[in-house]
């Protein structure tokens, strides 16, 4: 006998742009996001009985995103995700949970003639600010904030040695190497019971994102890295200290390799070790290192 053991559905890739116009100053502020909303609840008959009466059309979900964006602030994204999350179980009795993901795309204000331009922006790289909100009726809001696509590199200040050596090992030890990665970092907030609880800490969401971003870059730059593992732990530790309402910090960091090119074959030209200047960036394979660091009062995520 078959049964539906888990199901959710909704609308993905909802592109949303909102502009705020300050009539007094003439300054405009823009926000562009990609939104995904998935619903859970008493919907199994739509799968097993072809019963569409329990389906809130995904087009209606898309319309709701736009309407709520008009009627509410869309920043910080943790707040807008919570507003979206709370809406569907409140509106539809048979919907018990909402999963919202918001990806915020960077628009950076232009500087023209030494002054911030009031309404012109440029896309400052592929880095995004990501938020995931899960709202469950009678439980509350589980919020995860994050940074993705922040590409960083340092040309020295990183080592890797004293690792396991056996019959499978060809990698040489190094005390000075290039270190580069695409930062994927996230932090889980403590459970918030109500939308009012979310609203009460609105300023903390932007502050946490700014702290996490600054800690990530400053630690990457200044830590003499013994390994990606050691550096990501230092980053996580500092974020937990800076943001008391965060319970867990997670990093996923690919180790993007840059290999020295041996040029001895060409007239004895030296380009290895201390003489290395020209490298070959590698697209793959690459190392991938992941870690979740939690407060000791939290349950381990193992």
C-alpha atoms as a PDB file:
ATOM      1  CA  UNK A   1       0.000   0.000   0.000  1.00  0.00           C
ATOM      2  CA  UNK A   2       1.509   3.339  -1.066  1.00  0.00           C
ATOM      3  CA  UNK A   3       1.004   6.666   0.702  1.00  0.00           C
ATOM      4  CA  UNK A   4       2.325  10.204   0.487  1.00  0.00           C
ATOM      5  CA  UNK A   5       4.897  10.524   3.252  1.00  0.00           C
ATOM      6  CA  UNK A   6       5.984  14.091   2.471  1.00  0.00           C
ATOM      7  CA  UNK A   7       4.777  16.771   0.075  1.00  0.00           C
ATOM      8  CA  UNK A   8       5.125  20.466  -0.539  1.00  0.00           C
ATOM      9  CA  UNK A   9       4.520  22.657  -3.577  1.00  0.00           C
ATOM     10  CA  UNK A  10       4.451  26.311  -4.558  1.00  0.00           C
ATOM     11  CA  UNK A  11       5.958  28.959  -6.801  1.00  0.00           C
ATOM     12  CA  UNK A  12       9.677  29.283  -7.505  1.00  0.00           C
ATOM     13  CA  UNK A  13      11.698  31.973  -9.260  1.00  0.00           C
ATOM     14  CA  UNK A  14       9.307  34.832  -8.523  1.00  0.00           C
ATOM     15  CA  UNK A  15      11.300  37.892  -9.622  1.00  0.00           C
ATOM     16  CA  UNK A  16      10.510  40.906  -7.452  1.00  0.00           C
ATOM     17  CA  UNK A  17      11.747  44.490  -7.665  1.00  0.00           C
ATOM     18  CA  UNK A  18      10.633  47.271  -5.333  1.00  0.00           C
ATOM     19  CA  UNK A  19      11.641  50.928  -5.314  1.00  0.00           C
ATOM     20  CA  UNK A  20      11.341  53.370  -2.428  1.00  0.00           C
ATOM     21  CA  UNK A  21      11.174  57.054  -3.420  1.00  0.00           C
ATOM     22  CA  UNK A  22      12.014  59.674  -0.823  1.00  0.00           C
ATOM     23  CA  UNK A  23       9.943  62.661  -1.929  1.00  0.00           C
ATOM     24  CA  UNK A  24      11.853  65.103   0.302  1.00  0.00           C
ATOM     25  CA  UNK A  25      15.367  64.219  -0.892  1.00  0.00           C
ATOM     26  CA  UNK A  26      14.644  62.742  -4.326  1.00  0.00           C
ATOM     27  CA  UNK A  27      16.747  59.702  -3.400  1.00  0.00           C
ATOM     28  CA  UNK A  28      15.479  56.324  -4.589  1.00  0.00           C
ATOM     29  CA  UNK A  29      16.404  52.974  -3.062  1.00  0.00           C
ATOM     30  CA  UNK A  30      15.928  49.698  -4.936  1.00  0.00           C
ATOM     31  CA  UNK A  31      15.600  46.086  -3.893  1.00  0.00           C
ATOM     32  CA  UNK A  32      15.596  43.095  -6.256  1.00  0.00           C
ATOM     33  CA  UNK A  33      14.969  39.548  -5.113  1.00  0.00           C
ATOM     34  CA  UNK A  34      14.089  36.078  -6.327  1.00  0.00           C
ATOM     35  CA  UNK A  35      11.458  34.429  -4.136  1.00  0.00           C
ATOM     36  CA  UNK A  36      10.361  30.815  -3.666  1.00  0.00           C
ATOM     37  CA  UNK A  37       7.289  29.908  -1.597  1.00  0.00           C
ATOM     38  CA  UNK A  38       6.348  26.281  -0.884  1.00  0.00           C
ATOM     39  CA  UNK A  39       3.311  25.129   1.105  1.00  0.00           C
ATOM     40  CA  UNK A  40       2.672  22.072   3.288  1.00  0.00           C
ATOM     41  CA  UNK A  41      -0.564  20.826   4.801  1.00  0.00           C
ATOM     42  CA  UNK A  42      -3.543  18.610   4.113  1.00  0.00           C
ATOM     43  CA  UNK A  43      -2.818  18.329   0.404  1.00  0.00           C
ATOM     44  CA  UNK A  44      -2.187  14.609  -0.050  1.00  0.00           C
ATOM     45  CA  UNK A  45      -5.487  14.048  -1.924  1.00  0.00           C
ATOM     46  CA  UNK A  46      -4.230  16.288  -4.729  1.00  0.00           C
ATOM     47  CA  UNK A  47      -1.607  13.600  -5.321  1.00  0.00           C
ATOM     48  CA  UNK A  48      -3.560  10.448  -4.555  1.00  0.00           C
ATOM     49  CA  UNK A  49      -7.130  11.344  -5.640  1.00  0.00           C
ATOM     50  CA  UNK A  50      -6.560  13.996  -8.307  1.00  0.00           C
ATOM     51  CA  UNK A  51      -8.398  16.356  -5.962  1.00  0.00           C
ATOM     52  CA  UNK A  52      -7.560  19.941  -6.906  1.00  0.00           C
ATOM     53  CA  UNK A  53      -9.880  21.424  -4.270  1.00  0.00           C
ATOM     54  CA  UNK A  54      -7.005  21.518  -1.760  1.00  0.00           C
ATOM     55  CA  UNK A  55      -4.594  23.281  -4.105  1.00  0.00           C
ATOM     56  CA  UNK A  56      -3.898  26.987  -3.743  1.00  0.00           C
ATOM     57  CA  UNK A  57      -2.823  27.681  -7.314  1.00  0.00           C
ATOM     58  CA  UNK A  58       0.855  28.515  -7.668  1.00  0.00           C
ATOM     59  CA  UNK A  59      -0.197  31.529  -9.733  1.00  0.00           C
ATOM     60  CA  UNK A  60      -2.151  32.744  -6.670  1.00  0.00           C
ATOM     61  CA  UNK A  61       0.991  32.269  -4.569  1.00  0.00           C
ATOM     62  CA  UNK A  62       2.913  34.428  -7.053  1.00  0.00           C
ATOM     63  CA  UNK A  63       0.202  37.116  -6.886  1.00  0.00           C
ATOM     64  CA  UNK A  64       0.356  37.032  -3.098  1.00  0.00           C
ATOM     65  CA  UNK A  65       4.114  37.691  -3.153  1.00  0.00           C
ATOM     66  CA  UNK A  66       3.580  40.826  -5.230  1.00  0.00           C
ATOM     67  CA  UNK A  67       0.607  42.076  -3.184  1.00  0.00           C
ATOM     68  CA  UNK A  68       2.349  41.589   0.156  1.00  0.00           C
ATOM     69  CA  UNK A  69       5.447  43.307  -1.230  1.00  0.00           C
ATOM     70  CA  UNK A  70       3.300  46.333  -2.101  1.00  0.00           C
ATOM     71  CA  UNK A  71       1.639  46.374   1.332  1.00  0.00           C
ATOM     72  CA  UNK A  72       4.697  45.661   3.502  1.00  0.00           C
ATOM     73  CA  UNK A  73       8.423  46.393   3.729  1.00  0.00           C
ATOM     74  CA  UNK A  74      10.598  43.939   1.772  1.00  0.00           C
ATOM     75  CA  UNK A  75      13.685  44.660   3.862  1.00  0.00           C
ATOM     76  CA  UNK A  76      15.206  43.146   5.789  1.00  0.00           C
ATOM     77  CA  UNK A  77      14.463  39.927   3.873  1.00  0.00           C
ATOM     78  CA  UNK A  78      14.055  38.029   7.158  1.00  0.00           C
ATOM     79  CA  UNK A  79      11.020  40.205   7.909  1.00  0.00           C
ATOM     80  CA  UNK A  80       9.443  39.897   4.459  1.00  0.00           C
ATOM     81  CA  UNK A  81      10.046  36.134   4.468  1.00  0.00           C
ATOM     82  CA  UNK A  82       8.282  35.922   7.826  1.00  0.00           C
ATOM     83  CA  UNK A  83       5.338  38.008   6.584  1.00  0.00           C
ATOM     84  CA  UNK A  84       4.986  35.666   3.605  1.00  0.00           C
ATOM     85  CA  UNK A  85       5.412  32.616   5.819  1.00  0.00           C
ATOM     86  CA  UNK A  86       2.694  33.648   8.257  1.00  0.00           C
ATOM     87  CA  UNK A  87       0.201  34.617   5.559  1.00  0.00           C
ATOM     88  CA  UNK A  88      -0.670  31.247   4.043  1.00  0.00           C
ATOM     89  CA  UNK A  89      -1.492  29.212   7.200  1.00  0.00           C
ATOM     90  CA  UNK A  90      -3.505  32.215   8.440  1.00  0.00           C
ATOM     91  CA  UNK A  91      -5.442  32.450   5.167  1.00  0.00           C
ATOM     92  CA  UNK A  92      -5.946  28.734   4.457  1.00  0.00           C
ATOM     93  CA  UNK A  93      -6.927  26.427   7.331  1.00  0.00           C
ATOM     94  CA  UNK A  94      -5.622  23.292   5.601  1.00  0.00           C
ATOM     95  CA  UNK A  95      -2.128  24.787   5.072  1.00  0.00           C
ATOM     96  CA  UNK A  96       0.045  24.153   8.123  1.00  0.00           C
ATOM     97  CA  UNK A  97       3.504  25.317   7.067  1.00  0.00           C
ATOM     98  CA  UNK A  98       5.222  27.669   4.631  1.00  0.00           C
ATOM     99  CA  UNK A  99       8.796  27.484   3.332  1.00  0.00           C
ATOM    100  CA  UNK A 100      10.106  30.769   1.948  1.00  0.00           C
ATOM    101  CA  UNK A 101      13.467  31.406   0.305  1.00  0.00           C
ATOM    102  CA  UNK A 102      14.524  34.912  -0.682  1.00  0.00           C
ATOM    103  CA  UNK A 103      17.664  35.671  -2.690  1.00  0.00           C
ATOM    104  CA  UNK A 104      18.615  39.359  -2.655  1.00  0.00           C
ATOM    105  CA  UNK A 105      20.662  40.535  -5.652  1.00  0.00           C
ATOM    106  CA  UNK A 106      23.207  43.308  -5.187  1.00  0.00           C
ATOM    107  CA  UNK A 107      22.535  46.765  -6.547  1.00  0.00           C
ATOM    108  CA  UNK A 108      25.180  49.254  -5.370  1.00  0.00           C
ATOM    109  CA  UNK A 109      24.580  52.964  -5.663  1.00  0.00           C
ATOM    110  CA  UNK A 110      26.797  54.723  -8.215  1.00  0.00           C
ATOM    111  CA  UNK A 111      29.124  57.541  -7.222  1.00  0.00           C
ATOM    112  CA  UNK A 112      29.111  60.336  -9.816  1.00  0.00           C
ATOM    113  CA  UNK A 113      31.338  63.410  -9.482  1.00  0.00           C
ATOM    114  CA  UNK A 114      32.256  62.251  -5.997  1.00  0.00           C
ATOM    115  CA  UNK A 115      28.652  62.064  -4.794  1.00  0.00           C
ATOM    116  CA  UNK A 116      26.194  59.155  -4.366  1.00  0.00           C
ATOM    117  CA  UNK A 117      23.797  59.262  -7.314  1.00  0.00           C
ATOM    118  CA  UNK A 118      20.131  59.481  -6.240  1.00  0.00           C
ATOM    119  CA  UNK A 119      18.757  56.847  -8.621  1.00  0.00           C
ATOM    120  CA  UNK A 120      21.557  54.983 -10.459  1.00  0.00           C
ATOM    121  CA  UNK A 121      23.064  51.641  -9.435  1.00  0.00           C
ATOM    122  CA  UNK A 122      25.403  48.926 -10.697  1.00  0.00           C
ATOM    123  CA  UNK A 123      25.471  45.165 -10.164  1.00  0.00           C
ATOM    124  CA  UNK A 124      28.356  44.656  -7.750  1.00  0.00           C
ATOM    125  CA  UNK A 125      29.317  41.038  -8.456  1.00  0.00           C
ATOM    126  CA  UNK A 126      27.356  37.814  -8.085  1.00  0.00           C
ATOM    127  CA  UNK A 127      27.239  37.752  -4.283  1.00  0.00           C
ATOM    128  CA  UNK A 128      23.741  37.357  -2.851  1.00  0.00           C
ATOM    129  CA  UNK A 129      22.139  37.727   0.552  1.00  0.00           C
ATOM    130  CA  UNK A 130      19.960  34.670   1.159  1.00  0.00           C
ATOM    131  CA  UNK A 131      17.208  34.035   3.678  1.00  0.00           C
ATOM    132  CA  UNK A 132      15.143  30.926   4.356  1.00  0.00           C
ATOM    133  CA  UNK A 133      12.092  31.099   6.600  1.00  0.00           C
ATOM    134  CA  UNK A 134      10.031  28.105   7.669  1.00  0.00           C
ATOM    135  CA  UNK A 135       6.816  28.946   9.492  1.00  0.00           C
ATOM    136  CA  UNK A 136       4.774  26.198  11.138  1.00  0.00           C
ATOM    137  CA  UNK A 137       1.448  26.868  12.801  1.00  0.00           C
ATOM    138  CA  UNK A 138       1.710  26.552  16.610  1.00  0.00           C
ATOM    139  CA  UNK A 139       5.506  26.320  16.351  1.00  0.00           C
ATOM    140  CA  UNK A 140       6.864  29.596  15.000  1.00  0.00           C
ATOM    141  CA  UNK A 141       9.529  30.919  12.655  1.00  0.00           C
ATOM    142  CA  UNK A 142      12.800  29.108  11.916  1.00  0.00           C
ATOM    143  CA  UNK A 143      14.987  31.669  10.122  1.00  0.00           C
ATOM    144  CA  UNK A 144      18.279  31.020   8.349  1.00  0.00           C
ATOM    145  CA  UNK A 145      20.252  33.961   6.950  1.00  0.00           C
ATOM    146  CA  UNK A 146      23.261  33.736   4.710  1.00  0.00           C
ATOM    147  CA  UNK A 147      25.823  34.942   2.211  1.00  0.00           C
ATOM    148  CA  UNK A 148      26.475  33.133  -1.050  1.00  0.00           C
ATOM    149  CA  UNK A 149      28.743  33.742  -4.021  1.00  0.00           C
ATOM    150  CA  UNK A 150      31.267  35.993  -2.271  1.00  0.00           C
ATOM    151  CA  UNK A 151      34.498  35.099  -4.096  1.00  0.00           C
ATOM    152  CA  UNK A 152      37.693  35.856  -2.170  1.00  0.00           C
ATOM    153  CA  UNK A 153      41.387  35.224  -2.785  1.00  0.00           C
ATOM    154  CA  UNK A 154      44.665  35.907  -1.009  1.00  0.00           C
ATOM    155  CA  UNK A 155      48.002  35.409  -2.708  1.00  0.00           C
ATOM    156  CA  UNK A 156      49.895  34.354   0.436  1.00  0.00           C
ATOM    157  CA  UNK A 157      49.263  33.706   4.126  1.00  0.00           C
ATOM    158  CA  UNK A 158      48.000  30.152   3.750  1.00  0.00           C
ATOM    159  CA  UNK A 159      49.694  26.791   4.368  1.00  0.00           C
ATOM    160  CA  UNK A 160      48.801  23.110   4.290  1.00  0.00           C
ATOM    161  CA  UNK A 161      51.099  20.507   5.805  1.00  0.00           C
ATOM    162  CA  UNK A 162      51.283  17.695   8.397  1.00  0.00           C
ATOM    163  CA  UNK A 163      48.242  15.930   6.895  1.00  0.00           C
ATOM    164  CA  UNK A 164      47.875  12.159   6.542  1.00  0.00           C
ATOM    165  CA  UNK A 165      50.490  10.662   4.219  1.00  0.00           C
ATOM    166  CA  UNK A 166      50.161   7.128   2.951  1.00  0.00           C
ATOM    167  CA  UNK A 167      50.305   5.103  -0.257  1.00  0.00           C
ATOM    168  CA  UNK A 168      47.480   7.221  -1.753  1.00  0.00           C
ATOM    169  CA  UNK A 169      49.189  10.591  -1.215  1.00  0.00           C
ATOM    170  CA  UNK A 170      50.855  12.602  -3.979  1.00  0.00           C
ATOM    171  CA  UNK A 171      50.132  16.125  -2.683  1.00  0.00           C
ATOM    172  CA  UNK A 172      53.192  17.955  -1.435  1.00  0.00           C
ATOM    173  CA  UNK A 173      53.243  19.943   1.782  1.00  0.00           C
ATOM    174  CA  UNK A 174      53.345  23.721   1.540  1.00  0.00           C
ATOM    175  CA  UNK A 175      53.951  26.580   3.944  1.00  0.00           C
ATOM    176  CA  UNK A 176      52.868  29.264   1.470  1.00  0.00           C
ATOM    177  CA  UNK A 177      50.068  28.947  -1.049  1.00  0.00           C
ATOM    178  CA  UNK A 178      47.262  30.857  -2.753  1.00  0.00           C
ATOM    179  CA  UNK A 179      43.913  30.491  -0.986  1.00  0.00           C
ATOM    180  CA  UNK A 180      40.653  31.198  -2.798  1.00  0.00           C
ATOM    181  CA  UNK A 181      37.037  30.224  -2.226  1.00  0.00           C
ATOM    182  CA  UNK A 182      33.415  31.062  -2.988  1.00  0.00           C
ATOM    183  CA  UNK A 183      31.899  31.811   0.407  1.00  0.00           C
ATOM    184  CA  UNK A 184      28.645  30.046   1.265  1.00  0.00           C
ATOM    185  CA  UNK A 185      27.888  30.984   4.870  1.00  0.00           C
ATOM    186  CA  UNK A 186      24.664  30.795   6.841  1.00  0.00           C
ATOM    187  CA  UNK A 187      23.496  31.329  10.395  1.00  0.00           C
ATOM    188  CA  UNK A 188      20.386  29.975  12.140  1.00  0.00           C
ATOM    189  CA  UNK A 189      18.470  32.255  14.474  1.00  0.00           C
ATOM    190  CA  UNK A 190      16.834  31.001  17.631  1.00  0.00           C
ATOM    191  CA  UNK A 191      13.195  30.012  17.090  1.00  0.00           C
ATOM    192  CA  UNK A 192      10.869  33.014  17.089  1.00  0.00           C
ATOM    193  CA  UNK A 193       7.300  32.239  18.144  1.00  0.00           C
ATOM    194  CA  UNK A 194       5.323  35.092  16.578  1.00  0.00           C
ATOM    195  CA  UNK A 195       5.558  37.696  13.851  1.00  0.00           C
ATOM    196  CA  UNK A 196       5.755  40.306  16.599  1.00  0.00           C
ATOM    197  CA  UNK A 197       8.878  38.549  17.901  1.00  0.00           C
ATOM    198  CA  UNK A 198      10.397  38.857  14.421  1.00  0.00           C
ATOM    199  CA  UNK A 199       9.488  42.538  14.194  1.00  0.00           C
ATOM    200  CA  UNK A 200      11.022  43.185  17.616  1.00  0.00           C
ATOM    201  CA  UNK A 201      14.512  42.335  16.335  1.00  0.00           C
ATOM    202  CA  UNK A 202      14.345  43.911  12.860  1.00  0.00           C
ATOM    203  CA  UNK A 203      17.571  45.943  13.269  1.00  0.00           C
ATOM    204  CA  UNK A 204      19.500  42.826  14.311  1.00  0.00           C
ATOM    205  CA  UNK A 205      19.058  41.128  10.922  1.00  0.00           C
ATOM    206  CA  UNK A 206      20.992  43.721   8.913  1.00  0.00           C
ATOM    207  CA  UNK A 207      23.543  44.088  11.716  1.00  0.00           C
ATOM    208  CA  UNK A 208      24.151  40.330  11.753  1.00  0.00           C
ATOM    209  CA  UNK A 209      24.606  40.212   7.975  1.00  0.00           C
ATOM    210  CA  UNK A 210      27.079  43.089   8.111  1.00  0.00           C
ATOM    211  CA  UNK A 211      28.986  41.451  10.998  1.00  0.00           C
ATOM    212  CA  UNK A 212      29.103  38.038   9.320  1.00  0.00           C
ATOM    213  CA  UNK A 213      30.348  39.544   6.060  1.00  0.00           C
ATOM    214  CA  UNK A 214      32.999  41.669   7.777  1.00  0.00           C
ATOM    215  CA  UNK A 215      34.154  38.775   9.993  1.00  0.00           C
ATOM    216  CA  UNK A 216      34.363  36.453   6.995  1.00  0.00           C
ATOM    217  CA  UNK A 217      36.533  38.804   4.976  1.00  0.00           C
ATOM    218  CA  UNK A 218      38.738  40.109   7.781  1.00  0.00           C
ATOM    219  CA  UNK A 219      39.429  36.618   9.145  1.00  0.00           C
ATOM    220  CA  UNK A 220      40.122  35.290   5.663  1.00  0.00           C
ATOM    221  CA  UNK A 221      42.574  38.117   5.058  1.00  0.00           C
ATOM    222  CA  UNK A 222      44.401  38.191   8.396  1.00  0.00           C
ATOM    223  CA  UNK A 223      44.441  34.581   9.614  1.00  0.00           C
ATOM    224  CA  UNK A 224      47.598  32.683   8.687  1.00  0.00           C
ATOM    225  CA  UNK A 225      45.550  29.726   7.562  1.00  0.00           C
ATOM    226  CA  UNK A 226      46.747  26.264   8.560  1.00  0.00           C
ATOM    227  CA  UNK A 227      43.776  24.828   6.656  1.00  0.00           C
ATOM    228  CA  UNK A 228      40.369  25.857   5.365  1.00  0.00           C
ATOM    229  CA  UNK A 229      38.929  23.914   8.302  1.00  0.00           C
ATOM    230  CA  UNK A 230      40.791  25.970  10.882  1.00  0.00           C
ATOM    231  CA  UNK A 231      39.929  29.293   9.249  1.00  0.00           C
ATOM    232  CA  UNK A 232      36.201  28.554   8.869  1.00  0.00           C
ATOM    233  CA  UNK A 233      36.017  27.567  12.538  1.00  0.00           C
ATOM    234  CA  UNK A 234      37.522  30.919  13.560  1.00  0.00           C
ATOM    235  CA  UNK A 235      34.955  32.718  11.400  1.00  0.00           C
ATOM    236  CA  UNK A 236      32.063  30.762  12.912  1.00  0.00           C
ATOM    237  CA  UNK A 237      33.274  31.313  16.469  1.00  0.00           C
ATOM    238  CA  UNK A 238      33.397  35.076  15.953  1.00  0.00           C
ATOM    239  CA  UNK A 239      29.920  35.247  14.405  1.00  0.00           C
ATOM    240  CA  UNK A 240      28.430  33.376  17.372  1.00  0.00           C
ATOM    241  CA  UNK A 241      30.130  35.856  19.699  1.00  0.00           C
ATOM    242  CA  UNK A 242      28.928  38.866  17.690  1.00  0.00           C
ATOM    243  CA  UNK A 243      25.291  37.774  17.316  1.00  0.00           C
ATOM    244  CA  UNK A 244      23.872  36.284  20.553  1.00  0.00           C
ATOM    245  CA  UNK A 245      20.530  35.335  18.927  1.00  0.00           C
ATOM    246  CA  UNK A 246      22.248  33.012  16.455  1.00  0.00           C
ATOM    247  CA  UNK A 247      22.369  29.319  17.425  1.00  0.00           C
ATOM    248  CA  UNK A 248      24.391  27.774  14.572  1.00  0.00           C
ATOM    249  CA  UNK A 249      26.825  29.002  11.911  1.00  0.00           C
ATOM    250  CA  UNK A 250      27.516  26.927   8.802  1.00  0.00           C
ATOM    251  CA  UNK A 251      30.199  27.371   6.150  1.00  0.00           C
ATOM    252  CA  UNK A 252      30.632  25.510   2.885  1.00  0.00           C
ATOM    253  CA  UNK A 253      33.893  26.523   1.221  1.00  0.00           C
ATOM    254  CA  UNK A 254      35.336  25.085  -1.993  1.00  0.00           C
ATOM    255  CA  UNK A 255      39.124  25.213  -2.119  1.00  0.00           C
ATOM    256  CA  UNK A 256      39.793  26.751  -5.525  1.00  0.00           C
ATOM    257  CA  UNK A 257      43.236  25.591  -6.595  1.00  0.00           C
ATOM    258  CA  UNK A 258      45.950  27.600  -8.342  1.00  0.00           C
ATOM    259  CA  UNK A 259      48.804  25.368  -9.484  1.00  0.00           C
ATOM    260  CA  UNK A 260      52.378  26.449 -10.100  1.00  0.00           C
ATOM    261  CA  UNK A 261      53.619  25.909 -13.661  1.00  0.00           C
ATOM    262  CA  UNK A 262      57.033  24.281 -13.901  1.00  0.00           C
ATOM    263  CA  UNK A 263      58.943  26.145 -16.623  1.00  0.00           C
ATOM    264  CA  UNK A 264      62.328  24.487 -16.150  1.00  0.00           C
ATOM    265  CA  UNK A 265      61.921  22.924 -19.599  1.00  0.00           C
ATOM    266  CA  UNK A 266      62.289  26.405 -21.158  1.00  0.00           C
ATOM    267  CA  UNK A 267      65.914  27.488 -20.725  1.00  0.00           C
ATOM    268  CA  UNK A 268      65.836  26.579 -17.022  1.00  0.00           C
ATOM    269  CA  UNK A 269      63.268  29.302 -16.222  1.00  0.00           C
ATOM    270  CA  UNK A 270      62.354  29.174 -12.516  1.00  0.00           C
ATOM    271  CA  UNK A 271      58.644  29.402 -11.650  1.00  0.00           C
ATOM    272  CA  UNK A 272      58.154  27.140  -8.622  1.00  0.00           C
ATOM    273  CA  UNK A 273      58.413  27.656  -4.880  1.00  0.00           C
ATOM    274  CA  UNK A 274      59.666  31.144  -3.985  1.00  0.00           C
ATOM    275  CA  UNK A 275      60.121  31.912  -7.696  1.00  0.00           C
ATOM    276  CA  UNK A 276      56.502  31.160  -8.627  1.00  0.00           C
ATOM    277  CA  UNK A 277      54.687  34.065 -10.289  1.00  0.00           C
ATOM    278  CA  UNK A 278      52.603  32.432 -13.016  1.00  0.00           C
ATOM    279  CA  UNK A 279      49.906  29.944 -12.003  1.00  0.00           C
ATOM    280  CA  UNK A 280      47.177  27.909 -13.716  1.00  0.00           C
ATOM    281  CA  UNK A 281      43.749  28.449 -12.085  1.00  0.00           C
ATOM    282  CA  UNK A 282      41.863  25.150 -11.868  1.00  0.00           C
ATOM    283  CA  UNK A 283      38.132  24.703 -12.551  1.00  0.00           C
ATOM    284  CA  UNK A 284      38.074  21.247 -10.933  1.00  0.00           C
ATOM    285  CA  UNK A 285      38.368  18.983  -9.156  1.00  0.00           C
ATOM    286  CA  UNK A 286      38.443  21.083  -5.995  1.00  0.00           C
ATOM    287  CA  UNK A 287      38.371  20.524  -2.271  1.00  0.00           C
ATOM    288  CA  UNK A 288      35.044  21.134  -0.523  1.00  0.00           C
ATOM    289  CA  UNK A 289      35.046  21.768   3.215  1.00  0.00           C
ATOM    290  CA  UNK A 290      31.895  22.108   5.327  1.00  0.00           C
ATOM    291  CA  UNK A 291      31.350  22.823   8.989  1.00  0.00           C
ATOM    292  CA  UNK A 292      28.541  23.777  11.386  1.00  0.00           C
ATOM    293  CA  UNK A 293      29.574  25.429  14.646  1.00  0.00           C
ATOM    294  CA  UNK A 294      26.979  25.666  17.419  1.00  0.00           C
ATOM    295  CA  UNK A 295      26.664  27.075  20.880  1.00  0.00           C
ATOM    296  CA  UNK A 296      27.341  24.442  23.512  1.00  0.00           C
ATOM    297  CA  UNK A 297      23.745  24.876  24.704  1.00  0.00           C
ATOM    298  CA  UNK A 298      22.480  23.805  21.252  1.00  0.00           C
ATOM    299  CA  UNK A 299      22.038  20.258  20.075  1.00  0.00           C
ATOM    300  CA  UNK A 300      24.855  19.149  17.729  1.00  0.00           C
ATOM    301  CA  UNK A 301      23.882  18.974  14.035  1.00  0.00           C
ATOM    302  CA  UNK A 302      25.634  15.676  13.359  1.00  0.00           C
END
